[in-house]
Amino acid sequence: MELYKQILLNALYNEEMQITFPNLKTSPNEIVKLECYRTLKKIKAVLEDENLSDKECFMRIEKIICIYEDMGSDGGDRHDFG
């Protein structure tokens, strides 16, 4: 449930806010589905990037972690590659 809240909060961050979300036309479940789909597309693009050699696998993992962080979640304590 924590990931769900992180995704929803990140997706709503730029919405005009009042007591309600007057311009929001999409349900919270649909917002999370759309954001997850966009994120999976980005991850798939990283994995399918044929311009990277196997030696650059570390960089692929780093890109995926950054995409995950852009979605509003953190990379955990193990993501401090500097």
PDB file of N, CA and C in Angstrom:
ATOM      1  N   MET A   1       0.816  -1.190   0.000  1.00  0.00           N
ATOM      2  CA  MET A   1       0.000   0.000   0.000  1.00  0.00           C
ATOM      3  C   MET A   1       0.867   1.264   0.000  1.00  0.00           C
ATOM      4  N   GLU A   2       2.061   1.181   0.572  1.00  0.00           N
ATOM      5  CA  GLU A   2       2.943   2.346   0.621  1.00  0.00           C
ATOM      6  C   GLU A   2       3.358   2.787  -0.781  1.00  0.00           C
ATOM      7  N   LEU A   3       3.698   1.831  -1.651  1.00  0.00           N
ATOM      8  CA  LEU A   3       4.060   2.165  -3.031  1.00  0.00           C
ATOM      9  C   LEU A   3       2.890   2.838  -3.735  1.00  0.00           C
ATOM     10  N   TYR A   4       1.679   2.330  -3.523  1.00  0.00           N
ATOM     11  CA  TYR A   4       0.471   2.916  -4.111  1.00  0.00           C
ATOM     12  C   TYR A   4       0.352   4.385  -3.710  1.00  0.00           C
ATOM     13  N   LYS A   5       0.536   4.672  -2.414  1.00  0.00           N
ATOM     14  CA  LYS A   5       0.438   6.052  -1.934  1.00  0.00           C
ATOM     15  C   LYS A   5       1.527   6.928  -2.533  1.00  0.00           C
ATOM     16  N   GLN A   6       2.763   6.395  -2.639  1.00  0.00           N
ATOM     17  CA  GLN A   6       3.862   7.169  -3.220  1.00  0.00           C
ATOM     18  C   GLN A   6       3.571   7.522  -4.670  1.00  0.00           C
ATOM     19  N   ILE A   7       3.083   6.542  -5.422  1.00  0.00           N
ATOM     20  CA  ILE A   7       2.772   6.777  -6.834  1.00  0.00           C
ATOM     21  C   ILE A   7       1.666   7.818  -6.958  1.00  0.00           C
ATOM     22  N   LEU A   8       0.609   7.669  -6.176  1.00  0.00           N
ATOM     23  CA  LEU A   8      -0.523   8.593  -6.246  1.00  0.00           C
ATOM     24  C   LEU A   8      -0.110  10.008  -5.832  1.00  0.00           C
ATOM     25  N   LEU A   9       0.648  10.134  -4.755  1.00  0.00           N
ATOM     26  CA  LEU A   9       1.104  11.459  -4.322  1.00  0.00           C
ATOM     27  C   LEU A   9       1.971  12.131  -5.376  1.00  0.00           C
ATOM     28  N   ASN A  10       2.884  11.376  -5.980  1.00  0.00           N
ATOM     29  CA  ASN A  10       3.746  11.931  -7.016  1.00  0.00           C
ATOM     30  C   ASN A  10       2.932  12.355  -8.237  1.00  0.00           C
ATOM     31  N   ALA A  11       1.944  11.550  -8.624  1.00  0.00           N
ATOM     32  CA  ALA A  11       1.122  11.870  -9.787  1.00  0.00           C
ATOM     33  C   ALA A  11       0.255  13.103  -9.541  1.00  0.00           C
ATOM     34  N   LEU A  12      -0.187  13.307  -8.303  1.00  0.00           N
ATOM     35  CA  LEU A  12      -1.062  14.436  -7.982  1.00  0.00           C
ATOM     36  C   LEU A  12      -0.294  15.706  -7.612  1.00  0.00           C
ATOM     37  N   TYR A  13       1.002  15.615  -7.477  1.00  0.00           N
ATOM     38  CA  TYR A  13       1.812  16.720  -7.002  1.00  0.00           C
ATOM     39  C   TYR A  13       1.603  17.998  -7.811  1.00  0.00           C
ATOM     40  N   ASN A  14       1.483  17.894  -9.131  1.00  0.00           N
ATOM     41  CA  ASN A  14       1.360  19.072  -9.985  1.00  0.00           C
ATOM     42  C   ASN A  14      -0.080  19.449 -10.296  1.00  0.00           C
ATOM     43  N   GLU A  15      -1.039  18.727  -9.747  1.00  0.00           N
ATOM     44  CA  GLU A  15      -2.439  19.064  -9.969  1.00  0.00           C
ATOM     45  C   GLU A  15      -2.812  20.311  -9.164  1.00  0.00           C
ATOM     46  N   GLU A  16      -3.729  21.103  -9.722  1.00  0.00           N
ATOM     47  CA  GLU A  16      -4.262  22.242  -8.983  1.00  0.00           C
ATOM     48  C   GLU A  16      -4.984  21.696  -7.758  1.00  0.00           C
ATOM     49  N   MET A  17      -4.625  22.203  -6.575  1.00  0.00           N
ATOM     50  CA  MET A  17      -5.213  21.647  -5.367  1.00  0.00           C
ATOM     51  C   MET A  17      -6.058  22.664  -4.628  1.00  0.00           C
ATOM     52  N   GLN A  18      -7.179  22.188  -4.178  1.00  0.00           N
ATOM     53  CA  GLN A  18      -8.050  22.894  -3.248  1.00  0.00           C
ATOM     54  C   GLN A  18      -8.411  21.835  -2.208  1.00  0.00           C
ATOM     55  N   ILE A  19      -9.560  21.951  -1.638  1.00  0.00           N
ATOM     56  CA  ILE A  19      -9.990  20.887  -0.738  1.00  0.00           C
ATOM     57  C   ILE A  19     -10.260  19.623  -1.546  1.00  0.00           C
ATOM     58  N   THR A  20     -10.643  19.806  -2.791  1.00  0.00           N
ATOM     59  CA  THR A  20     -10.844  18.689  -3.701  1.00  0.00           C
ATOM     60  C   THR A  20      -9.884  18.876  -4.875  1.00  0.00           C
ATOM     61  N   PHE A  21      -9.908  17.943  -5.801  1.00  0.00           N
ATOM     62  CA  PHE A  21      -9.120  18.062  -7.026  1.00  0.00           C
ATOM     63  C   PHE A  21     -10.085  18.390  -8.161  1.00  0.00           C
ATOM     64  N   PRO A  22     -10.373  19.681  -8.385  1.00  0.00           N
ATOM     65  CA  PRO A  22     -11.424  20.062  -9.328  1.00  0.00           C
ATOM     66  C   PRO A  22     -11.129  19.705 -10.787  1.00  0.00           C
ATOM     67  N   ASN A  23      -9.894  19.649 -11.178  1.00  0.00           N
ATOM     68  CA  ASN A  23      -9.567  19.356 -12.571  1.00  0.00           C
ATOM     69  C   ASN A  23      -9.231  17.892 -12.820  1.00  0.00           C
ATOM     70  N   LEU A  24      -9.261  17.116 -11.784  1.00  0.00           N
ATOM     71  CA  LEU A  24      -8.908  15.706 -11.903  1.00  0.00           C
ATOM     72  C   LEU A  24     -10.096  14.922 -12.443  1.00  0.00           C
ATOM     73  N   LYS A  25      -9.904  14.344 -13.615  1.00  0.00           N
ATOM     74  CA  LYS A  25     -10.982  13.611 -14.269  1.00  0.00           C
ATOM     75  C   LYS A  25     -10.807  12.099 -14.153  1.00  0.00           C
ATOM     76  N   THR A  26      -9.714  11.681 -13.552  1.00  0.00           N
ATOM     77  CA  THR A  26      -9.373  10.275 -13.507  1.00  0.00           C
ATOM     78  C   THR A  26      -9.404   9.778 -12.065  1.00  0.00           C
ATOM     79  N   SER A  27      -9.851   8.544 -11.880  1.00  0.00           N
ATOM     80  CA  SER A  27      -9.898   7.963 -10.537  1.00  0.00           C
ATOM     81  C   SER A  27      -8.486   7.670 -10.036  1.00  0.00           C
ATOM     82  N   PRO A  28      -8.297   7.609  -8.723  1.00  0.00           N
ATOM     83  CA  PRO A  28      -6.977   7.280  -8.188  1.00  0.00           C
ATOM     84  C   PRO A  28      -6.436   5.956  -8.730  1.00  0.00           C
ATOM     85  N   ASN A  29      -7.282   4.940  -8.858  1.00  0.00           N
ATOM     86  CA  ASN A  29      -6.824   3.657  -9.399  1.00  0.00           C
ATOM     87  C   ASN A  29      -6.329   3.804 -10.832  1.00  0.00           C
ATOM     88  N   GLU A  30      -7.035   4.578 -11.622  1.00  0.00           N
ATOM     89  CA  GLU A  30      -6.628   4.772 -13.018  1.00  0.00           C
ATOM     90  C   GLU A  30      -5.326   5.561 -13.101  1.00  0.00           C
ATOM     91  N   ILE A  31      -5.154   6.533 -12.228  1.00  0.00           N
ATOM     92  CA  ILE A  31      -3.907   7.306 -12.190  1.00  0.00           C
ATOM     93  C   ILE A  31      -2.729   6.379 -11.909  1.00  0.00           C
ATOM     94  N   VAL A  32      -2.862   5.520 -10.914  1.00  0.00           N
ATOM     95  CA  VAL A  32      -1.785   4.600 -10.569  1.00  0.00           C
ATOM     96  C   VAL A  32      -1.506   3.646 -11.723  1.00  0.00           C
ATOM     97  N   LYS A  33      -2.545   3.134 -12.363  1.00  0.00           N
ATOM     98  CA  LYS A  33      -2.363   2.238 -13.512  1.00  0.00           C
ATOM     99  C   LYS A  33      -1.596   2.937 -14.634  1.00  0.00           C
ATOM    100  N   LEU A  34      -1.983   4.171 -14.945  1.00  0.00           N
ATOM    101  CA  LEU A  34      -1.320   4.918 -16.007  1.00  0.00           C
ATOM    102  C   LEU A  34       0.143   5.198 -15.672  1.00  0.00           C
ATOM    103  N   GLU A  35       0.411   5.600 -14.441  1.00  0.00           N
ATOM    104  CA  GLU A  35       1.783   5.886 -14.032  1.00  0.00           C
ATOM    105  C   GLU A  35       2.634   4.625 -14.044  1.00  0.00           C
ATOM    106  N   CYS A  36       2.065   3.517 -13.612  1.00  0.00           N
ATOM    107  CA  CYS A  36       2.800   2.244 -13.641  1.00  0.00           C
ATOM    108  C   CYS A  36       3.108   1.841 -15.071  1.00  0.00           C
ATOM    109  N   TYR A  37       2.146   2.011 -15.965  1.00  0.00           N
ATOM    110  CA  TYR A  37       2.360   1.660 -17.365  1.00  0.00           C
ATOM    111  C   TYR A  37       3.465   2.521 -17.977  1.00  0.00           C
ATOM    112  N   ARG A  38       3.430   3.818 -17.719  1.00  0.00           N
ATOM    113  CA  ARG A  38       4.476   4.711 -18.236  1.00  0.00           C
ATOM    114  C   ARG A  38       5.844   4.298 -17.703  1.00  0.00           C
ATOM    115  N   THR A  39       5.904   3.956 -16.427  1.00  0.00           N
ATOM    116  CA  THR A  39       7.165   3.547 -15.824  1.00  0.00           C
ATOM    117  C   THR A  39       7.672   2.249 -16.428  1.00  0.00           C
ATOM    118  N   LEU A  40       6.783   1.284 -16.613  1.00  0.00           N
ATOM    119  CA  LEU A  40       7.189   0.020 -17.224  1.00  0.00           C
ATOM    120  C   LEU A  40       7.691   0.222 -18.648  1.00  0.00           C
ATOM    121  N   LYS A  41       7.078   1.141 -19.395  1.00  0.00           N
ATOM    122  CA  LYS A  41       7.550   1.442 -20.743  1.00  0.00           C
ATOM    123  C   LYS A  41       8.972   1.995 -20.710  1.00  0.00           C
ATOM    124  N   LYS A  42       9.261   2.870 -19.742  1.00  0.00           N
ATOM    125  CA  LYS A  42      10.603   3.433 -19.617  1.00  0.00           C
ATOM    126  C   LYS A  42      11.618   2.351 -19.260  1.00  0.00           C
ATOM    127  N   ILE A  43      11.248   1.472 -18.328  1.00  0.00           N
ATOM    128  CA  ILE A  43      12.140   0.382 -17.934  1.00  0.00           C
ATOM    129  C   ILE A  43      12.385  -0.546 -19.116  1.00  0.00           C
ATOM    130  N   LYS A  44      11.343  -0.866 -19.865  1.00  0.00           N
ATOM    131  CA  LYS A  44      11.475  -1.736 -21.036  1.00  0.00           C
ATOM    132  C   LYS A  44      12.429  -1.108 -22.054  1.00  0.00           C
ATOM    133  N   ALA A  45      12.325   0.193 -22.257  1.00  0.00           N
ATOM    134  CA  ALA A  45      13.213   0.883 -23.201  1.00  0.00           C
ATOM    135  C   ALA A  45      14.670   0.781 -22.751  1.00  0.00           C
ATOM    136  N   VAL A  46      14.914   0.889 -21.459  1.00  0.00           N
ATOM    137  CA  VAL A  46      16.279   0.756 -20.944  1.00  0.00           C
ATOM    138  C   VAL A  46      16.798  -0.652 -21.200  1.00  0.00           C
ATOM    139  N   LEU A  47      15.980  -1.648 -20.906  1.00  0.00           N
ATOM    140  CA  LEU A  47      16.404  -3.040 -21.076  1.00  0.00           C
ATOM    141  C   LEU A  47      16.627  -3.401 -22.535  1.00  0.00           C
ATOM    142  N   GLU A  48      15.889  -2.783 -23.436  1.00  0.00           N
ATOM    143  CA  GLU A  48      15.997  -3.105 -24.855  1.00  0.00           C
ATOM    144  C   GLU A  48      17.017  -2.253 -25.595  1.00  0.00           C
ATOM    145  N   ASP A  49      17.685  -1.363 -24.898  1.00  0.00           N
ATOM    146  CA  ASP A  49      18.651  -0.468 -25.532  1.00  0.00           C
ATOM    147  C   ASP A  49      19.860  -1.272 -26.004  1.00  0.00           C
ATOM    148  N   GLU A  50      19.922  -1.528 -27.290  1.00  0.00           N
ATOM    149  CA  GLU A  50      21.009  -2.325 -27.873  1.00  0.00           C
ATOM    150  C   GLU A  50      22.308  -1.534 -28.008  1.00  0.00           C
ATOM    151  N   ASN A  51      22.272  -0.253 -27.746  1.00  0.00           N
ATOM    152  CA  ASN A  51      23.474   0.568 -27.809  1.00  0.00           C
ATOM    153  C   ASN A  51      24.386   0.333 -26.607  1.00  0.00           C
ATOM    154  N   LEU A  52      23.854  -0.320 -25.576  1.00  0.00           N
ATOM    155  CA  LEU A  52      24.640  -0.600 -24.382  1.00  0.00           C
ATOM    156  C   LEU A  52      25.199  -2.014 -24.454  1.00  0.00           C
ATOM    157  N   SER A  53      26.467  -2.156 -24.111  1.00  0.00           N
ATOM    158  CA  SER A  53      27.075  -3.488 -24.073  1.00  0.00           C
ATOM    159  C   SER A  53      26.758  -4.145 -22.730  1.00  0.00           C
ATOM    160  N   ASP A  54      27.050  -5.442 -22.638  1.00  0.00           N
ATOM    161  CA  ASP A  54      26.820  -6.139 -21.385  1.00  0.00           C
ATOM    162  C   ASP A  54      27.660  -5.558 -20.250  1.00  0.00           C
ATOM    163  N   LYS A  55      28.798  -4.969 -20.596  1.00  0.00           N
ATOM    164  CA  LYS A  55      29.653  -4.342 -19.581  1.00  0.00           C
ATOM    165  C   LYS A  55      28.955  -3.150 -18.944  1.00  0.00           C
ATOM    166  N   GLU A  56      27.972  -2.615 -19.641  1.00  0.00           N
ATOM    167  CA  GLU A  56      27.251  -1.448 -19.131  1.00  0.00           C
ATOM    168  C   GLU A  56      25.976  -1.848 -18.384  1.00  0.00           C
ATOM    169  N   CYS A  57      25.892  -3.102 -17.973  1.00  0.00           N
ATOM    170  CA  CYS A  57      24.729  -3.593 -17.243  1.00  0.00           C
ATOM    171  C   CYS A  57      24.477  -2.756 -15.988  1.00  0.00           C
ATOM    172  N   PHE A  58      25.539  -2.391 -15.303  1.00  0.00           N
ATOM    173  CA  PHE A  58      25.408  -1.565 -14.106  1.00  0.00           C
ATOM    174  C   PHE A  58      24.666  -0.276 -14.425  1.00  0.00           C
ATOM    175  N   MET A  59      24.985   0.323 -15.555  1.00  0.00           N
ATOM    176  CA  MET A  59      24.326   1.570 -15.949  1.00  0.00           C
ATOM    177  C   MET A  59      22.849   1.337 -16.253  1.00  0.00           C
ATOM    178  N   ARG A  60      22.508   0.179 -16.797  1.00  0.00           N
ATOM    179  CA  ARG A  60      21.098  -0.151 -17.044  1.00  0.00           C
ATOM    180  C   ARG A  60      20.339  -0.208 -15.722  1.00  0.00           C
ATOM    181  N   ILE A  61      20.946  -0.866 -14.752  1.00  0.00           N
ATOM    182  CA  ILE A  61      20.305  -0.970 -13.440  1.00  0.00           C
ATOM    183  C   ILE A  61      20.151   0.420 -12.827  1.00  0.00           C
ATOM    184  N   GLU A  62      21.165   1.245 -12.941  1.00  0.00           N
ATOM    185  CA  GLU A  62      21.102   2.615 -12.414  1.00  0.00           C
ATOM    186  C   GLU A  62      19.972   3.396 -13.078  1.00  0.00           C
ATOM    187  N   LYS A  63      19.813   3.259 -14.394  1.00  0.00           N
ATOM    188  CA  LYS A  63      18.736   3.957 -15.104  1.00  0.00           C
ATOM    189  C   LYS A  63      17.373   3.501 -14.602  1.00  0.00           C
ATOM    190  N   ILE A  64      17.229   2.201 -14.383  1.00  0.00           N
ATOM    191  CA  ILE A  64      15.950   1.665 -13.898  1.00  0.00           C
ATOM    192  C   ILE A  64      15.646   2.199 -12.501  1.00  0.00           C
ATOM    193  N   ILE A  65      16.643   2.241 -11.639  1.00  0.00           N
ATOM    194  CA  ILE A  65      16.438   2.770 -10.293  1.00  0.00           C
ATOM    195  C   ILE A  65      16.041   4.240 -10.351  1.00  0.00           C
ATOM    196  N   CYS A  66      16.659   5.013 -11.232  1.00  0.00           N
ATOM    197  CA  CYS A  66      16.307   6.438 -11.376  1.00  0.00           C
ATOM    198  C   CYS A  66      14.875   6.602 -11.876  1.00  0.00           C
ATOM    199  N   ILE A  67      14.449   5.761 -12.794  1.00  0.00           N
ATOM    200  CA  ILE A  67      13.067   5.802 -13.275  1.00  0.00           C
ATOM    201  C   ILE A  67      12.119   5.518 -12.119  1.00  0.00           C
ATOM    202  N   TYR A  68      12.440   4.522 -11.313  1.00  0.00           N
ATOM    203  CA  TYR A  68      11.637   4.171 -10.156  1.00  0.00           C
ATOM    204  C   TYR A  68      11.557   5.354  -9.194  1.00  0.00           C
ATOM    205  N   GLU A  69      12.680   6.032  -8.975  1.00  0.00           N
ATOM    206  CA  GLU A  69      12.690   7.197  -8.097  1.00  0.00           C
ATOM    207  C   GLU A  69      11.880   8.344  -8.690  1.00  0.00           C
ATOM    208  N   ASP A  70      11.928   8.521 -10.001  1.00  0.00           N
ATOM    209  CA  ASP A  70      11.146   9.571 -10.649  1.00  0.00           C
ATOM    210  C   ASP A  70       9.647   9.347 -10.467  1.00  0.00           C
ATOM    211  N   MET A  71       9.254   8.088 -10.282  1.00  0.00           N
ATOM    212  CA  MET A  71       7.850   7.748 -10.095  1.00  0.00           C
ATOM    213  C   MET A  71       7.375   8.157  -8.700  1.00  0.00           C
ATOM    214  N   GLY A  72       8.318   8.461  -7.818  1.00  0.00           N
ATOM    215  CA  GLY A  72       7.932   8.908  -6.488  1.00  0.00           C
ATOM    216  C   GLY A  72       8.341   7.963  -5.379  1.00  0.00           C
ATOM    217  N   SER A  73       9.000   6.877  -5.720  1.00  0.00           N
ATOM    218  CA  SER A  73       9.471   5.956  -4.701  1.00  0.00           C
ATOM    219  C   SER A  73      10.979   6.142  -4.557  1.00  0.00           C
ATOM    220  N   ASP A  74      11.539   5.652  -3.468  1.00  0.00           N
ATOM    221  CA  ASP A  74      12.985   5.776  -3.338  1.00  0.00           C
ATOM    222  C   ASP A  74      13.663   4.476  -3.738  1.00  0.00           C
ATOM    223  N   GLY A  75      14.947   4.538  -3.916  1.00  0.00           N
ATOM    224  CA  GLY A  75      15.714   3.369  -4.322  1.00  0.00           C
ATOM    225  C   GLY A  75      16.174   2.529  -3.150  1.00  0.00           C
ATOM    226  N   GLY A  76      15.798   2.905  -1.957  1.00  0.00           N
ATOM    227  CA  GLY A  76      16.210   2.156  -0.775  1.00  0.00           C
ATOM    228  C   GLY A  76      17.619   2.520  -0.347  1.00  0.00           C
ATOM    229  N   ASP A  77      18.055   1.913   0.721  1.00  0.00           N
ATOM    230  CA  ASP A  77      19.379   2.211   1.277  1.00  0.00           C
ATOM    231  C   ASP A  77      20.514   1.745   0.386  1.00  0.00           C
ATOM    232  N   ARG A  78      20.253   0.826  -0.512  1.00  0.00           N
ATOM    233  CA  ARG A  78      21.328   0.265  -1.344  1.00  0.00           C
ATOM    234  C   ARG A  78      21.615   1.131  -2.562  1.00  0.00           C
ATOM    235  N   HIS A  79      20.794   2.162  -2.816  1.00  0.00           N
ATOM    236  CA  HIS A  79      21.024   3.009  -3.985  1.00  0.00           C
ATOM    237  C   HIS A  79      21.739   4.275  -3.569  1.00  0.00           C
ATOM    238  N   ASP A  80      23.032   4.167  -3.461  1.00  0.00           N
ATOM    239  CA  ASP A  80      23.880   5.316  -3.160  1.00  0.00           C
ATOM    240  C   ASP A  80      25.176   5.115  -3.929  1.00  0.00           C
ATOM    241  N   PHE A  81      25.051   5.131  -5.268  1.00  0.00           N
ATOM    242  CA  PHE A  81      26.187   4.817  -6.124  1.00  0.00           C
ATOM    243  C   PHE A  81      27.056   6.025  -6.428  1.00  0.00           C
ATOM    244  N   GLY A  82      26.600   7.205  -5.962  1.00  0.00           N
ATOM    245  CA  GLY A  82      27.382   8.403  -6.069  1.00  0.00           C
ATOM    246  C   GLY A  82      27.422   8.980  -7.405  1.00  0.00           C
TER     247      GLY A  82
END
